Amino acid sequence: MQTRSIQAHKFRHLVVLLSFLFSTSAFAALSEQQEAATALFDLINRRLSYMEDVALYKAQRNLPIEDKEREAVVIANTAQSAATSGIEVASAEHFFGTQIEVAKFIQRQVLEMHSAQQIETATPRDLSEEIRPELNELGDTMLELTSDYLKRYGHVTVDQRGLFDQQIDNEYLQADQKEVLFDALVGLRLTD
């Protein structure tokens, strides 16, 4: 009788130990996934952070916010990079197209919230020489990181929305634009 009690006690300890080890390894895997998601969300946020300079640069030179030719170049480059990275091209085009729309929204907000004098006296970074090369580099890095993320974890999930909202902290961005951008990010997939 006492032997059964000792065995039951050992079994409970084994179950507790295994539960702890499983939860620790699951927690470590979850932490790695959260770190990878945070890095990806940070890249998106950094890319959007350039939009104030873009808006001010364009306003000072009487350039329109919308530049369909440039947008087409960005989408074409995205398609090529996505195919190379193993990301489904249509989902990448949709995600980057959404980023473009959100970027234009931010630019409009910047111009609405700044006075004519603030716009005139601002010293934004040069669009051609500084901003576009950095945006291109961020876009390429984002696609590489996204590809790695999708290969390891499948896809960005809706339960990561809170983390996304924390990371995307652009003052000109509103909740509905964040939601549209996050939904496009969740839609990213690898090619079959």
C-alpha atoms as a PDB file:
ATOM      1  CA  MET A   1       0.000   0.000   0.000  1.00  0.00           C
ATOM      2  CA  GLN A   2       2.760   2.384   0.946  1.00  0.00           C
ATOM      3  CA  THR A   3       4.622   1.498  -2.256  1.00  0.00           C
ATOM      4  CA  ARG A   4       1.612   2.627  -4.310  1.00  0.00           C
ATOM      5  CA  SER A   5       1.523   5.881  -2.391  1.00  0.00           C
ATOM      6  CA  ILE A   6       5.223   6.467  -3.058  1.00  0.00           C
ATOM      7  CA  GLN A   7       4.739   5.611  -6.728  1.00  0.00           C
ATOM      8  CA  ALA A   8       1.724   7.929  -6.972  1.00  0.00           C
ATOM      9  CA  HIS A   9       3.725  10.682  -5.297  1.00  0.00           C
ATOM     10  CA  LYS A  10       6.650  10.168  -7.720  1.00  0.00           C
ATOM     11  CA  PHE A  11       4.225  10.132 -10.640  1.00  0.00           C
ATOM     12  CA  ARG A  12       2.715  13.454  -9.537  1.00  0.00           C
ATOM     13  CA  HIS A  13       6.208  14.964  -9.259  1.00  0.00           C
ATOM     14  CA  LEU A  14       7.038  13.646 -12.709  1.00  0.00           C
ATOM     15  CA  VAL A  15       3.835  15.156 -14.121  1.00  0.00           C
ATOM     16  CA  VAL A  16       4.599  18.496 -12.452  1.00  0.00           C
ATOM     17  CA  LEU A  17       8.193  18.409 -13.721  1.00  0.00           C
ATOM     18  CA  LEU A  18       7.115  17.543 -17.259  1.00  0.00           C
ATOM     19  CA  SER A  19       4.444  20.237 -17.171  1.00  0.00           C
ATOM     20  CA  PHE A  20       7.024  22.756 -16.039  1.00  0.00           C
ATOM     21  CA  LEU A  21       9.505  21.705 -18.733  1.00  0.00           C
ATOM     22  CA  PHE A  22       6.815  21.791 -21.410  1.00  0.00           C
ATOM     23  CA  SER A  23       5.536  25.177 -20.312  1.00  0.00           C
ATOM     24  CA  THR A  24       9.098  26.531 -20.122  1.00  0.00           C
ATOM     25  CA  SER A  25       9.929  25.347 -23.647  1.00  0.00           C
ATOM     26  CA  ALA A  26       6.539  26.551 -24.918  1.00  0.00           C
ATOM     27  CA  PHE A  27       7.155  29.900 -23.226  1.00  0.00           C
ATOM     28  CA  ALA A  28      10.621  30.117 -24.806  1.00  0.00           C
ATOM     29  CA  ALA A  29       9.142  29.363 -28.246  1.00  0.00           C
ATOM     30  CA  LEU A  30       6.396  31.910 -27.656  1.00  0.00           C
ATOM     31  CA  SER A  31       8.982  34.488 -26.568  1.00  0.00           C
ATOM     32  CA  GLU A  32      11.017  33.859 -29.727  1.00  0.00           C
ATOM     33  CA  GLN A  33       7.907  34.292 -31.844  1.00  0.00           C
ATOM     34  CA  GLN A  34       6.989  37.478 -29.981  1.00  0.00           C
ATOM     35  CA  GLU A  35      10.519  38.834 -30.489  1.00  0.00           C
ATOM     36  CA  ALA A  36      10.330  38.047 -34.213  1.00  0.00           C
ATOM     37  CA  ALA A  37       6.907  39.709 -34.467  1.00  0.00           C
ATOM     38  CA  THR A  38       8.169  42.728 -32.538  1.00  0.00           C
ATOM     39  CA  ALA A  39      11.110  43.097 -34.945  1.00  0.00           C
ATOM     40  CA  LEU A  40       8.750  42.915 -37.929  1.00  0.00           C
ATOM     41  CA  PHE A  41       6.297  45.402 -36.433  1.00  0.00           C
ATOM     42  CA  ASP A  42       9.189  47.728 -35.601  1.00  0.00           C
ATOM     43  CA  LEU A  43      10.273  47.754 -39.265  1.00  0.00           C
ATOM     44  CA  ILE A  44       6.751  48.709 -40.312  1.00  0.00           C
ATOM     45  CA  ASN A  45       6.725  51.477 -37.732  1.00  0.00           C
ATOM     46  CA  ARG A  46      10.134  52.763 -38.851  1.00  0.00           C
ATOM     47  CA  ARG A  47       8.977  52.824 -42.467  1.00  0.00           C
ATOM     48  CA  LEU A  48       5.908  54.844 -41.523  1.00  0.00           C
ATOM     49  CA  SER A  49       8.012  57.240 -39.439  1.00  0.00           C
ATOM     50  CA  TYR A  50       9.462  58.718 -42.641  1.00  0.00           C
ATOM     51  CA  MET A  51       6.083  59.964 -43.815  1.00  0.00           C
ATOM     52  CA  GLU A  52       6.256  63.270 -41.952  1.00  0.00           C
ATOM     53  CA  ASP A  53       9.451  64.156 -43.824  1.00  0.00           C
ATOM     54  CA  VAL A  54       7.905  62.945 -47.091  1.00  0.00           C
ATOM     55  CA  ALA A  55       4.853  65.158 -46.576  1.00  0.00           C
ATOM     56  CA  LEU A  56       6.887  68.238 -45.675  1.00  0.00           C
ATOM     57  CA  TYR A  57       9.325  67.716 -48.539  1.00  0.00           C
ATOM     58  CA  LYS A  58       6.477  67.367 -51.046  1.00  0.00           C
ATOM     59  CA  ALA A  59       4.565  70.339 -49.637  1.00  0.00           C
ATOM     60  CA  GLN A  60       7.588  72.628 -49.851  1.00  0.00           C
ATOM     61  CA  ARG A  61       8.037  71.692 -53.506  1.00  0.00           C
ATOM     62  CA  ASN A  62       4.328  71.697 -54.404  1.00  0.00           C
ATOM     63  CA  LEU A  63       4.426  67.987 -55.197  1.00  0.00           C
ATOM     64  CA  PRO A  64       1.238  65.950 -54.825  1.00  0.00           C
ATOM     65  CA  ILE A  65       1.002  63.377 -52.065  1.00  0.00           C
ATOM     66  CA  GLU A  66      -0.174  60.748 -54.508  1.00  0.00           C
ATOM     67  CA  ASP A  67       2.422  59.647 -57.049  1.00  0.00           C
ATOM     68  CA  LYS A  68       0.951  56.761 -59.045  1.00  0.00           C
ATOM     69  CA  GLU A  69       4.157  56.216 -61.049  1.00  0.00           C
ATOM     70  CA  ARG A  70       6.250  55.872 -57.899  1.00  0.00           C
ATOM     71  CA  GLU A  71       3.633  53.624 -56.294  1.00  0.00           C
ATOM     72  CA  ALA A  72       3.734  51.339 -59.351  1.00  0.00           C
ATOM     73  CA  VAL A  73       7.531  51.100 -59.037  1.00  0.00           C
ATOM     74  CA  VAL A  74       7.254  50.200 -55.345  1.00  0.00           C
ATOM     75  CA  ILE A  75       4.643  47.522 -56.047  1.00  0.00           C
ATOM     76  CA  ALA A  76       6.678  46.081 -58.952  1.00  0.00           C
ATOM     77  CA  ASN A  77       9.810  45.939 -56.788  1.00  0.00           C
ATOM     78  CA  THR A  78       7.767  44.346 -54.019  1.00  0.00           C
ATOM     79  CA  ALA A  79       6.469  41.659 -56.378  1.00  0.00           C
ATOM     80  CA  GLN A  80       9.982  40.821 -57.533  1.00  0.00           C
ATOM     81  CA  SER A  81      11.420  40.742 -53.999  1.00  0.00           C
ATOM     82  CA  ALA A  82       8.451  38.760 -52.684  1.00  0.00           C
ATOM     83  CA  ALA A  83       8.877  36.099 -55.351  1.00  0.00           C
ATOM     84  CA  THR A  84      12.582  35.831 -54.504  1.00  0.00           C
ATOM     85  CA  SER A  85      11.797  35.620 -50.765  1.00  0.00           C
ATOM     86  CA  GLY A  86       9.150  32.930 -51.209  1.00  0.00           C
ATOM     87  CA  ILE A  87       6.233  35.166 -50.262  1.00  0.00           C
ATOM     88  CA  GLU A  88       3.020  34.900 -52.237  1.00  0.00           C
ATOM     89  CA  VAL A  89       3.207  37.877 -54.593  1.00  0.00           C
ATOM     90  CA  ALA A  90      -0.472  38.865 -54.390  1.00  0.00           C
ATOM     91  CA  SER A  91      -0.392  38.980 -50.588  1.00  0.00           C
ATOM     92  CA  ALA A  92       2.833  41.049 -50.620  1.00  0.00           C
ATOM     93  CA  GLU A  93       1.400  43.457 -53.191  1.00  0.00           C
ATOM     94  CA  HIS A  94      -1.715  43.853 -51.064  1.00  0.00           C
ATOM     95  CA  PHE A  95       0.324  44.464 -47.917  1.00  0.00           C
ATOM     96  CA  PHE A  96       2.628  47.029 -49.541  1.00  0.00           C
ATOM     97  CA  GLY A  97      -0.314  48.637 -51.336  1.00  0.00           C
ATOM     98  CA  THR A  98      -1.979  49.005 -47.962  1.00  0.00           C
ATOM     99  CA  GLN A  99       1.201  50.529 -46.539  1.00  0.00           C
ATOM    100  CA  ILE A 100       1.184  53.038 -49.396  1.00  0.00           C
ATOM    101  CA  GLU A 101      -2.417  54.026 -48.648  1.00  0.00           C
ATOM    102  CA  VAL A 102      -1.638  54.358 -44.933  1.00  0.00           C
ATOM    103  CA  ALA A 103       1.474  56.401 -45.775  1.00  0.00           C
ATOM    104  CA  LYS A 104      -0.608  58.792 -47.873  1.00  0.00           C
ATOM    105  CA  PHE A 105      -3.092  59.115 -45.020  1.00  0.00           C
ATOM    106  CA  ILE A 106      -0.245  60.028 -42.656  1.00  0.00           C
ATOM    107  CA  GLN A 107       1.086  62.584 -45.131  1.00  0.00           C
ATOM    108  CA  ARG A 108      -2.351  64.214 -45.384  1.00  0.00           C
ATOM    109  CA  GLN A 109      -2.613  64.292 -41.600  1.00  0.00           C
ATOM    110  CA  VAL A 110       0.809  65.940 -41.331  1.00  0.00           C
ATOM    111  CA  LEU A 111      -0.222  68.702 -43.719  1.00  0.00           C
ATOM    112  CA  GLU A 112      -3.555  69.223 -41.959  1.00  0.00           C
ATOM    113  CA  MET A 113      -1.935  69.457 -38.533  1.00  0.00           C
ATOM    114  CA  HIS A 114       0.894  71.826 -39.468  1.00  0.00           C
ATOM    115  CA  SER A 115       0.517  75.499 -40.202  1.00  0.00           C
ATOM    116  CA  ALA A 116       1.779  76.971 -43.466  1.00  0.00           C
ATOM    117  CA  GLN A 117       4.654  78.552 -41.538  1.00  0.00           C
ATOM    118  CA  GLN A 118       5.621  75.241 -39.922  1.00  0.00           C
ATOM    119  CA  ILE A 119       5.641  73.564 -43.310  1.00  0.00           C
ATOM    120  CA  GLU A 120       7.637  76.380 -44.896  1.00  0.00           C
ATOM    121  CA  THR A 121      10.304  76.462 -42.168  1.00  0.00           C
ATOM    122  CA  ALA A 122      10.653  72.690 -41.729  1.00  0.00           C
ATOM    123  CA  THR A 123      13.859  70.979 -42.820  1.00  0.00           C
ATOM    124  CA  PRO A 124      12.795  67.528 -44.005  1.00  0.00           C
ATOM    125  CA  ARG A 125      15.289  64.976 -45.256  1.00  0.00           C
ATOM    126  CA  ASP A 126      15.738  64.847 -49.021  1.00  0.00           C
ATOM    127  CA  LEU A 127      13.202  62.538 -50.657  1.00  0.00           C
ATOM    128  CA  SER A 128      15.395  61.234 -53.479  1.00  0.00           C
ATOM    129  CA  GLU A 129      18.759  61.184 -51.753  1.00  0.00           C
ATOM    130  CA  GLU A 130      17.857  60.038 -48.235  1.00  0.00           C
ATOM    131  CA  ILE A 131      14.285  58.915 -47.743  1.00  0.00           C
ATOM    132  CA  ARG A 132      13.611  56.694 -50.771  1.00  0.00           C
ATOM    133  CA  PRO A 133      16.867  54.705 -50.447  1.00  0.00           C
ATOM    134  CA  GLU A 134      16.106  54.094 -46.768  1.00  0.00           C
ATOM    135  CA  LEU A 135      12.482  53.173 -47.528  1.00  0.00           C
ATOM    136  CA  ASN A 136      13.688  50.737 -50.206  1.00  0.00           C
ATOM    137  CA  GLU A 137      16.142  49.156 -47.789  1.00  0.00           C
ATOM    138  CA  LEU A 138      13.501  48.904 -45.070  1.00  0.00           C
ATOM    139  CA  GLY A 139      11.075  47.336 -47.562  1.00  0.00           C
ATOM    140  CA  ASP A 140      13.610  44.700 -48.622  1.00  0.00           C
ATOM    141  CA  THR A 141      14.497  43.939 -45.012  1.00  0.00           C
ATOM    142  CA  MET A 142      10.810  43.741 -44.157  1.00  0.00           C
ATOM    143  CA  LEU A 143      10.206  41.163 -46.899  1.00  0.00           C
ATOM    144  CA  GLU A 144      13.194  39.074 -45.767  1.00  0.00           C
ATOM    145  CA  LEU A 145      12.098  39.216 -42.142  1.00  0.00           C
ATOM    146  CA  THR A 146       8.513  38.427 -43.131  1.00  0.00           C
ATOM    147  CA  SER A 147       9.649  35.431 -45.151  1.00  0.00           C
ATOM    148  CA  ASP A 148      11.691  34.116 -42.213  1.00  0.00           C
ATOM    149  CA  TYR A 149       8.779  34.728 -39.860  1.00  0.00           C
ATOM    150  CA  LEU A 150       6.279  32.944 -42.108  1.00  0.00           C
ATOM    151  CA  LYS A 151       8.625  29.972 -42.553  1.00  0.00           C
ATOM    152  CA  ARG A 152       9.061  29.604 -38.792  1.00  0.00           C
ATOM    153  CA  TYR A 153       5.612  30.465 -37.468  1.00  0.00           C
ATOM    154  CA  GLY A 154       3.136  30.124 -40.333  1.00  0.00           C
ATOM    155  CA  HIS A 155       1.641  33.615 -40.315  1.00  0.00           C
ATOM    156  CA  VAL A 156       0.958  36.626 -38.155  1.00  0.00           C
ATOM    157  CA  THR A 157      -2.109  35.866 -36.056  1.00  0.00           C
ATOM    158  CA  VAL A 158      -4.942  38.037 -34.836  1.00  0.00           C
ATOM    159  CA  ASP A 159      -3.861  37.521 -31.224  1.00  0.00           C
ATOM    160  CA  GLN A 160      -0.756  39.606 -31.995  1.00  0.00           C
ATOM    161  CA  ARG A 161      -2.896  42.662 -32.616  1.00  0.00           C
ATOM    162  CA  GLY A 162      -2.177  44.165 -29.190  1.00  0.00           C
ATOM    163  CA  LEU A 163       1.571  43.892 -29.742  1.00  0.00           C
ATOM    164  CA  PHE A 164       1.168  45.434 -33.199  1.00  0.00           C
ATOM    165  CA  ASP A 165      -0.827  48.346 -31.780  1.00  0.00           C
ATOM    166  CA  GLN A 166       1.893  48.961 -29.183  1.00  0.00           C
ATOM    167  CA  GLN A 167       4.692  48.917 -31.753  1.00  0.00           C
ATOM    168  CA  ILE A 168       2.973  51.082 -34.361  1.00  0.00           C
ATOM    169  CA  ASP A 169       3.068  54.414 -32.593  1.00  0.00           C
ATOM    170  CA  ASN A 170       2.906  56.964 -35.394  1.00  0.00           C
ATOM    171  CA  GLU A 171       1.104  59.996 -33.973  1.00  0.00           C
ATOM    172  CA  TYR A 172      -0.725  60.681 -37.241  1.00  0.00           C
ATOM    173  CA  LEU A 173      -2.117  57.176 -37.600  1.00  0.00           C
ATOM    174  CA  GLN A 174      -5.647  56.389 -36.471  1.00  0.00           C
ATOM    175  CA  ALA A 175      -7.046  53.104 -35.198  1.00  0.00           C
ATOM    176  CA  ASP A 176      -8.868  52.214 -38.424  1.00  0.00           C
ATOM    177  CA  GLN A 177      -5.688  52.615 -40.513  1.00  0.00           C
ATOM    178  CA  LYS A 178      -3.829  50.410 -38.036  1.00  0.00           C
ATOM    179  CA  GLU A 179      -6.553  47.810 -38.356  1.00  0.00           C
ATOM    180  CA  VAL A 180      -6.420  47.787 -42.164  1.00  0.00           C
ATOM    181  CA  LEU A 181      -2.626  47.549 -42.088  1.00  0.00           C
ATOM    182  CA  PHE A 182      -2.674  44.731 -39.532  1.00  0.00           C
ATOM    183  CA  ASP A 183      -5.285  42.806 -41.546  1.00  0.00           C
ATOM    184  CA  ALA A 184      -3.060  43.052 -44.637  1.00  0.00           C
ATOM    185  CA  LEU A 185      -0.115  41.808 -42.562  1.00  0.00           C
ATOM    186  CA  VAL A 186      -2.149  38.832 -41.313  1.00  0.00           C
ATOM    187  CA  GLY A 187      -2.906  38.028 -44.968  1.00  0.00           C
ATOM    188  CA  LEU A 188       0.744  37.556 -45.931  1.00  0.00           C
ATOM    189  CA  ARG A 189       1.475  33.976 -47.014  1.00  0.00           C
ATOM    190  CA  LEU A 190       4.316  31.921 -48.440  1.00  0.00           C
ATOM    191  CA  THR A 191       4.058  30.522 -51.939  1.00  0.00           C
ATOM    192  CA  ASP A 192       2.943  26.882 -52.092  1.00  0.00           C
END
